[in-house]
Amino acid sequence: SCAVALANGLISSSNLRHINIASNLITEEGASVIAEALESNKSVTHINLSNSKVGCEGACAMAKALEVNETLTSLELESCRIGDKGCIAIGAALAATQTLQILKLSSNLISDEAGRAFATLVTKNHALKKVVTVGNQIDHSTRLKIKETLKRNNEEHENEMPNRLHKEVVRLHYQQCKLQEASDELKEYQNRRQDVRDQIEKHEQQFQTDRYMTARKSKELREKIDKDLQEIEDLKAKRRTKEAALRKHRSEYDEDLRNLEARVNEESNKRADATLALEVKKQELNNLELEIRSEEQRLIDEISLKQEDENLWKTRAEEYTARIIELRNEIVTHKAKQDKKKQPK
């Protein structure tokens, strides 16, 4: 249960660096759980499981973790009952990785045959600096082979520093040249920025003028529309009056028609005149309706024309606003490019 709790902590922690749980009777199962957690951990650099019951299965699990872990640099598995299988598994993992620097396997159950296989495998590793194998059945010649590999790795590490310093000097010279170029580009950018600012100021002045003119024109259009709306209301009132007159005429027409129908029965000889009078009344009604419809269409056309004028001025104002925003975005983009060039590569 302790191993499981530790494994859960390794999975969720990003600050833990050193783990020392030696002499805690960690079993093969516990070591396997811890090793599985190490596969995803990116912070632990040292772990000590010495004097435990890690065994071959636990060692194999640790070897699997070494193949994917990129932060663990020190592993202590002394007196952990690790046999040949576990030793070879760790050697194979070290042959495929270049992260672990210190490995302690003293006082385990490793034979000389497994030790020779381990020594051959670690020759492919250039990161190991220290390996402890005392207390096993490994011959002196095998230990010397491991020692030669460690000596080679340490010498490579020592020679790496001057080469690194030389590369850093070259990099600094290059950065100095790039800095001068960036300085020249900065001056050019500052000049261009001033030009852009002048253009923006000019456009803003023009925008303010256009906005004033637009507002003035919009006000005039609104006043005109209000006036036209009032005229429409007046026309509607007239229309209502005419409709009332029309209803009155229709009522009179109906009355006259009834009278005519009554008189038809009495005066059949006057039927032609009554029919003519009826047609005249119908024509008057149709002319009155046509006059009302024509007046309504004229007012609708005038209102549409005025609304189009107002939309045109609004469109122009939006275009000026979009142009100013575009210029500002160009300044921000150009500044971002220059800031990026200033950063050391």
Protein backbone atom coordinates (compact mmCIF):
# COMPACT_ATOMS: atom_id res chain seq x y z
CA SER A 1 0.00 0.00 0.00
CA CYS A 2 2.92 2.37 0.72
CA ALA A 3 4.36 1.67 -2.73
CA VAL A 4 0.97 2.35 -4.33
CA ALA A 5 0.67 5.64 -2.43
CA LEU A 6 4.18 6.64 -3.51
CA ALA A 7 3.39 5.72 -7.12
CA ASN A 8 0.27 7.88 -7.07
CA GLY A 9 2.37 10.75 -5.70
CA LEU A 10 4.94 10.30 -8.49
CA ILE A 11 2.24 10.49 -11.13
CA SER A 12 0.72 13.72 -9.79
CA SER A 13 3.88 15.47 -8.50
CA SER A 14 6.04 17.79 -10.59
CA ASN A 15 8.35 19.03 -7.79
CA LEU A 16 9.72 15.82 -6.23
CA ARG A 17 13.44 15.32 -7.04
CA HIS A 18 14.98 12.77 -4.62
CA ILE A 19 13.36 9.60 -3.24
CA ASN A 20 15.08 7.47 -0.57
CA ILE A 21 12.99 4.50 0.58
CA ALA A 22 15.86 2.11 1.30
CA SER A 23 15.36 -0.65 3.89
CA ASN A 24 11.56 -0.53 3.57
CA LEU A 25 11.00 -4.09 2.37
CA ILE A 26 9.68 -2.99 -1.01
CA THR A 27 8.51 -6.14 -2.81
CA GLU A 28 8.62 -7.01 -6.50
CA GLU A 29 5.02 -5.87 -6.87
CA GLY A 30 5.71 -2.59 -5.09
CA ALA A 31 8.83 -1.94 -7.17
CA SER A 32 6.84 -2.64 -10.35
CA VAL A 33 4.17 -0.13 -9.32
CA ILE A 34 6.82 2.52 -8.58
CA ALA A 35 8.57 1.79 -11.88
CA GLU A 36 5.33 2.20 -13.80
CA ALA A 37 4.82 5.61 -12.17
CA LEU A 38 8.37 6.63 -13.13
CA GLU A 39 7.51 6.07 -16.79
CA SER A 40 5.34 9.21 -16.73
CA ASN A 41 7.16 11.23 -14.05
CA LYS A 42 9.29 14.13 -15.30
CA SER A 43 10.80 15.50 -12.08
CA VAL A 44 12.51 12.72 -10.04
CA THR A 45 16.28 12.53 -10.63
CA HIS A 46 17.36 10.13 -7.82
CA ILE A 47 15.70 7.07 -6.29
CA ASN A 48 17.09 4.63 -3.70
CA LEU A 49 15.39 1.23 -3.22
CA SER A 50 18.35 -0.54 -1.58
CA ASN A 51 17.91 -3.28 1.03
CA SER A 52 14.52 -4.27 -0.36
CA LYS A 53 12.96 -7.29 -2.05
CA VAL A 54 12.87 -5.78 -5.52
CA GLY A 55 13.91 -9.04 -7.20
CA CYS A 56 14.24 -9.73 -10.91
CA GLU A 57 10.67 -8.75 -11.74
CA GLY A 58 11.07 -5.40 -9.99
CA ALA A 59 14.42 -4.84 -11.75
CA CYS A 60 12.84 -5.61 -15.14
CA ALA A 61 10.08 -3.09 -14.39
CA MET A 62 12.75 -0.52 -13.50
CA ALA A 63 14.53 -1.29 -16.79
CA LYS A 64 11.30 -0.65 -18.69
CA ALA A 65 10.93 2.69 -16.89
CA LEU A 66 14.52 3.66 -17.79
CA GLU A 67 13.70 3.22 -21.46
CA VAL A 68 11.13 6.04 -21.40
CA ASN A 69 12.10 8.21 -18.40
CA GLU A 70 14.20 11.25 -19.37
CA THR A 71 14.95 12.77 -15.94
CA LEU A 72 16.22 9.94 -13.69
CA THR A 73 20.03 10.23 -13.37
CA SER A 74 20.72 8.08 -10.26
CA LEU A 75 19.34 4.62 -9.37
CA GLU A 76 20.37 2.62 -6.27
CA LEU A 77 19.37 -1.05 -6.13
CA GLU A 78 21.90 -2.48 -3.64
CA SER A 79 20.99 -5.67 -1.75
CA CYS A 80 17.73 -6.03 -3.66
CA ARG A 81 17.95 -9.77 -4.57
CA ILE A 82 18.38 -8.94 -8.25
CA GLY A 83 19.51 -11.88 -10.39
CA ASP A 84 20.87 -12.27 -13.90
CA LYS A 85 17.56 -11.55 -15.63
CA GLY A 86 17.13 -8.19 -13.88
CA CYS A 87 20.77 -7.22 -14.47
CA ILE A 88 20.60 -7.92 -18.21
CA ALA A 89 17.26 -6.08 -18.51
CA ILE A 90 18.80 -2.97 -16.91
CA GLY A 91 21.85 -3.28 -19.22
CA ALA A 92 19.61 -3.49 -22.28
CA ALA A 93 17.70 -0.40 -21.16
CA LEU A 94 20.97 1.53 -20.65
CA ALA A 95 22.13 0.54 -24.13
CA ALA A 96 19.06 2.24 -25.57
CA THR A 97 19.07 5.41 -23.42
CA GLN A 98 21.47 8.20 -22.48
CA THR A 99 20.00 9.61 -19.24
CA LEU A 100 21.10 7.58 -16.20
CA GLN A 101 24.54 8.58 -14.81
CA ILE A 102 24.85 6.60 -11.54
CA LEU A 103 23.82 2.95 -11.01
CA LYS A 104 24.43 0.92 -7.84
CA LEU A 105 23.89 -2.85 -8.01
CA SER A 106 26.18 -4.07 -5.23
CA SER A 107 25.39 -7.14 -3.06
CA ASN A 108 22.91 -8.77 -5.43
CA LEU A 109 22.74 -12.21 -7.08
CA ILE A 110 24.44 -11.39 -10.38
CA SER A 111 26.69 -14.02 -11.98
CA ASP A 112 29.82 -13.30 -14.01
CA GLU A 113 28.06 -14.39 -17.21
CA ALA A 114 25.30 -11.83 -16.66
CA GLY A 115 27.96 -9.31 -15.64
CA ARG A 116 29.78 -9.80 -18.97
CA ALA A 117 26.53 -9.31 -20.87
CA PHE A 118 25.84 -6.17 -18.84
CA ALA A 119 29.37 -4.85 -19.54
CA THR A 120 28.88 -5.38 -23.28
CA LEU A 121 25.51 -3.63 -23.30
CA VAL A 122 26.64 -0.53 -21.39
CA THR A 123 29.42 0.12 -23.91
CA LYS A 124 26.67 1.64 -26.05
CA ASN A 125 25.84 4.10 -23.27
CA HIS A 126 27.74 7.39 -23.12
CA ALA A 127 26.00 8.93 -20.11
CA LEU A 128 26.98 6.54 -17.28
CA LYS A 129 29.66 7.94 -14.97
CA LYS A 130 29.49 5.51 -12.04
CA VAL A 131 28.47 1.85 -11.70
CA VAL A 132 28.87 -0.11 -8.42
CA THR A 133 28.79 -3.94 -8.70
CA VAL A 134 30.75 -5.13 -5.66
CA GLY A 135 29.30 -8.02 -3.67
CA ASN A 136 28.27 -9.98 -6.79
CA GLN A 137 29.85 -12.97 -8.58
CA ILE A 138 31.37 -10.76 -11.25
CA ASP A 139 35.06 -11.34 -12.17
CA HIS A 140 37.68 -8.64 -12.00
CA SER A 141 38.07 -8.59 -15.80
CA THR A 142 34.37 -7.89 -16.24
CA ARG A 143 34.56 -5.05 -13.75
CA LEU A 144 37.55 -3.63 -15.63
CA LYS A 145 35.52 -3.63 -18.85
CA ILE A 146 32.75 -1.70 -17.11
CA LYS A 147 35.37 0.64 -15.64
CA GLU A 148 36.82 1.32 -19.11
CA THR A 149 33.38 2.28 -20.38
CA LEU A 150 32.92 4.65 -17.43
CA LYS A 151 36.39 6.16 -18.01
CA ARG A 152 35.52 6.78 -21.65
CA ASN A 153 32.23 8.45 -20.68
CA ASN A 154 33.89 10.69 -18.08
CA GLU A 155 36.59 11.78 -20.55
CA GLU A 156 33.94 12.59 -23.12
CA HIS A 157 32.11 14.62 -20.52
CA GLU A 158 35.28 16.54 -19.59
CA ASN A 159 36.09 17.27 -23.25
CA GLU A 160 32.56 18.37 -23.87
CA MET A 161 32.97 21.58 -21.81
CA PRO A 162 35.66 23.30 -23.98
CA ASN A 163 33.70 22.45 -27.12
CA ARG A 164 30.59 23.83 -25.53
CA LEU A 165 32.41 27.05 -24.56
CA HIS A 166 33.75 27.43 -28.09
CA LYS A 167 30.28 27.00 -29.51
CA GLU A 168 28.98 29.55 -27.03
CA VAL A 169 31.64 32.09 -28.13
CA VAL A 170 30.68 31.53 -31.76
CA ARG A 171 27.03 31.90 -30.84
CA LEU A 172 27.72 35.17 -29.00
CA HIS A 173 29.61 36.57 -32.00
CA TYR A 174 26.72 35.61 -34.20
CA GLN A 175 24.26 37.19 -31.78
CA GLN A 176 26.35 40.39 -31.80
CA CYS A 177 26.08 40.57 -35.58
CA LYS A 178 22.38 39.86 -35.43
CA LEU A 179 22.03 42.54 -32.74
CA GLN A 180 23.58 45.14 -35.05
CA GLU A 181 21.23 44.07 -37.81
CA ALA A 182 18.34 44.26 -35.41
CA SER A 183 19.45 47.76 -34.36
CA ASP A 184 19.46 48.92 -37.99
CA GLU A 185 16.09 47.30 -38.55
CA LEU A 186 14.81 48.98 -35.39
CA LYS A 187 15.83 52.39 -36.69
CA GLU A 188 14.12 51.64 -39.97
CA TYR A 189 11.08 50.41 -38.11
CA GLN A 190 10.99 53.56 -35.98
CA ASN A 191 11.08 55.70 -39.12
CA ARG A 192 8.35 53.61 -40.69
CA ARG A 193 6.34 53.74 -37.48
CA GLN A 194 6.54 57.54 -37.50
CA ASP A 195 5.35 57.56 -41.10
CA VAL A 196 2.50 55.26 -40.21
CA ARG A 197 1.61 57.45 -37.23
CA ASP A 198 1.51 60.48 -39.51
CA GLN A 199 -0.74 58.57 -41.88
CA ILE A 200 -2.96 57.47 -39.02
CA GLU A 201 -3.18 61.03 -37.73
CA LYS A 202 -4.07 62.22 -41.22
CA HIS A 203 -6.68 59.49 -41.61
CA GLU A 204 -8.07 60.22 -38.14
CA GLN A 205 -8.43 63.87 -39.03
CA GLN A 206 -10.14 62.90 -42.25
CA PHE A 207 -12.27 60.44 -40.31
CA GLN A 208 -13.29 63.12 -37.82
CA THR A 209 -14.20 65.43 -40.69
CA ASP A 210 -16.14 62.69 -42.46
CA ARG A 211 -17.81 61.68 -39.23
CA TYR A 212 -18.88 65.26 -38.65
CA MET A 213 -20.19 65.50 -42.19
CA THR A 214 -21.89 62.15 -41.84
CA ALA A 215 -23.51 63.18 -38.58
CA ARG A 216 -24.62 66.44 -40.14
CA LYS A 217 -25.99 64.68 -43.20
CA SER A 218 -27.64 62.04 -41.02
CA LYS A 219 -29.27 64.77 -38.97
CA GLU A 220 -30.56 66.42 -42.12
CA LEU A 221 -31.83 63.09 -43.42
CA ARG A 222 -33.53 62.35 -40.10
CA GLU A 223 -35.17 65.75 -40.15
CA LYS A 224 -36.25 65.15 -43.73
CA ILE A 225 -37.56 61.70 -42.86
CA ASP A 226 -39.44 63.13 -39.87
CA LYS A 227 -40.92 65.74 -42.14
CA ASP A 228 -41.87 63.11 -44.70
CA LEU A 229 -43.36 60.95 -41.98
CA GLN A 230 -45.43 63.89 -40.88
CA GLU A 231 -46.56 64.37 -44.44
CA ILE A 232 -47.45 60.68 -44.56
CA GLU A 233 -49.51 61.10 -41.39
CA ASP A 234 -51.26 64.07 -42.95
CA LEU A 235 -51.90 62.06 -46.10
CA LYS A 236 -53.21 59.20 -44.01
CA ALA A 237 -55.56 61.64 -42.32
CA LYS A 238 -56.65 62.85 -45.71
CA ARG A 239 -57.05 59.28 -46.80
CA ARG A 240 -59.24 58.56 -43.80
CA THR A 241 -61.31 61.61 -44.68
CA LYS A 242 -61.62 60.47 -48.25
CA GLU A 243 -62.46 56.95 -47.15
CA ALA A 244 -65.17 58.38 -44.94
CA ALA A 245 -66.45 60.37 -47.90
CA LEU A 246 -66.20 57.22 -49.99
CA ARG A 247 -68.23 55.29 -47.46
CA LYS A 248 -70.73 58.11 -47.47
CA HIS A 249 -70.86 58.04 -51.25
CA ARG A 250 -71.24 54.30 -51.18
CA SER A 251 -74.03 54.64 -48.68
CA GLU A 252 -75.64 57.24 -50.85
CA TYR A 253 -74.98 55.03 -53.84
CA ASP A 254 -76.66 52.12 -52.13
CA GLU A 255 -79.58 54.33 -51.22
CA ASP A 256 -79.81 55.68 -54.70
CA LEU A 257 -79.57 52.17 -56.07
CA ARG A 258 -82.39 51.05 -53.89
CA ASN A 259 -84.43 54.05 -54.98
CA LEU A 260 -83.60 53.35 -58.58
CA GLU A 261 -84.61 49.72 -58.21
CA ALA A 262 -87.87 50.86 -56.68
CA ARG A 263 -88.39 53.33 -59.42
CA VAL A 264 -87.54 50.71 -62.06
CA ASN A 265 -90.64 48.87 -61.12
CA GLU A 266 -92.59 52.07 -61.37
CA GLU A 267 -90.82 53.75 -64.25
CA SER A 268 -89.53 51.19 -66.65
CA ASN A 269 -89.27 53.87 -69.29
CA LYS A 270 -86.49 55.63 -67.21
CA ARG A 271 -84.34 52.51 -66.76
CA ALA A 272 -81.71 53.61 -69.27
CA ASP A 273 -81.07 56.92 -67.46
CA ALA A 274 -80.86 55.23 -64.09
CA THR A 275 -78.31 52.72 -65.44
CA LEU A 276 -76.17 55.56 -66.81
CA ALA A 277 -76.25 57.37 -63.47
CA LEU A 278 -75.15 54.17 -61.76
CA GLU A 279 -72.14 53.77 -64.07
CA VAL A 280 -71.12 57.37 -63.41
CA LYS A 281 -71.15 56.77 -59.68
CA LYS A 282 -68.99 53.63 -60.10
CA GLN A 283 -66.48 55.51 -62.24
CA GLU A 284 -66.18 58.24 -59.60
CA LEU A 285 -65.48 55.65 -56.93
CA ASN A 286 -62.78 53.94 -59.05
CA ASN A 287 -61.12 57.27 -59.85
CA LEU A 288 -61.07 58.15 -56.15
CA GLU A 289 -59.43 54.80 -55.23
CA LEU A 290 -56.81 55.19 -58.00
CA GLU A 291 -55.96 58.66 -56.75
CA ILE A 292 -55.43 57.38 -53.20
CA ARG A 293 -53.20 54.46 -54.33
CA SER A 294 -51.09 56.73 -56.55
CA GLU A 295 -50.47 59.13 -53.65
CA GLU A 296 -49.44 56.24 -51.34
CA GLN A 297 -46.94 54.84 -53.90
CA ARG A 298 -45.34 58.28 -54.39
CA LEU A 299 -44.75 58.67 -50.65
CA ILE A 300 -43.29 55.13 -50.34
CA ASP A 301 -40.84 55.82 -53.21
CA GLU A 302 -39.67 59.07 -51.58
CA ILE A 303 -39.06 57.34 -48.23
CA SER A 304 -37.07 54.50 -49.87
CA LEU A 305 -34.85 56.99 -51.70
CA LYS A 306 -34.07 58.87 -48.48
CA GLN A 307 -33.29 55.64 -46.61
CA GLU A 308 -30.82 54.62 -49.35
CA ASP A 309 -29.03 57.99 -48.96
CA GLU A 310 -28.70 57.44 -45.22
CA ASN A 311 -27.37 53.86 -45.70
CA LEU A 312 -24.76 55.15 -48.19
CA TRP A 313 -23.37 57.62 -45.64
CA LYS A 314 -23.30 54.93 -42.95
CA THR A 315 -21.39 52.58 -45.28
CA ARG A 316 -18.77 55.23 -45.96
CA ALA A 317 -18.30 55.85 -42.23
CA GLU A 318 -17.81 52.09 -41.63
CA GLU A 319 -15.20 51.91 -44.44
CA TYR A 320 -13.17 54.75 -42.88
CA THR A 321 -13.35 53.02 -39.47
CA ALA A 322 -12.23 49.66 -40.97
CA ARG A 323 -9.26 51.38 -42.70
CA ILE A 324 -8.05 52.90 -39.41
CA ILE A 325 -8.35 49.51 -37.65
CA GLU A 326 -6.40 47.84 -40.50
CA LEU A 327 -3.57 50.39 -40.17
CA ARG A 328 -3.41 49.85 -36.42
CA ASN A 329 -3.26 46.06 -36.92
CA GLU A 330 -0.37 46.52 -39.38
CA ILE A 331 1.55 48.47 -36.71
CA VAL A 332 0.95 45.75 -34.11
CA THR A 333 1.99 43.00 -36.58
CA HIS A 334 5.14 44.86 -37.59
CA LYS A 335 6.05 45.51 -33.97
CA ALA A 336 5.55 41.82 -33.11
CA LYS A 337 7.90 40.83 -35.96
CA GLN A 338 10.58 43.22 -34.73
CA ASP A 339 10.23 41.98 -31.13
CA LYS A 340 10.63 38.42 -32.38
CA LYS A 341 13.81 39.36 -34.27
CA LYS A 342 15.24 40.93 -31.11
CA GLN A 343 15.03 37.65 -29.20
CA PRO A 344 18.34 35.71 -29.14
CA LYS A 345 18.29 32.60 -31.24
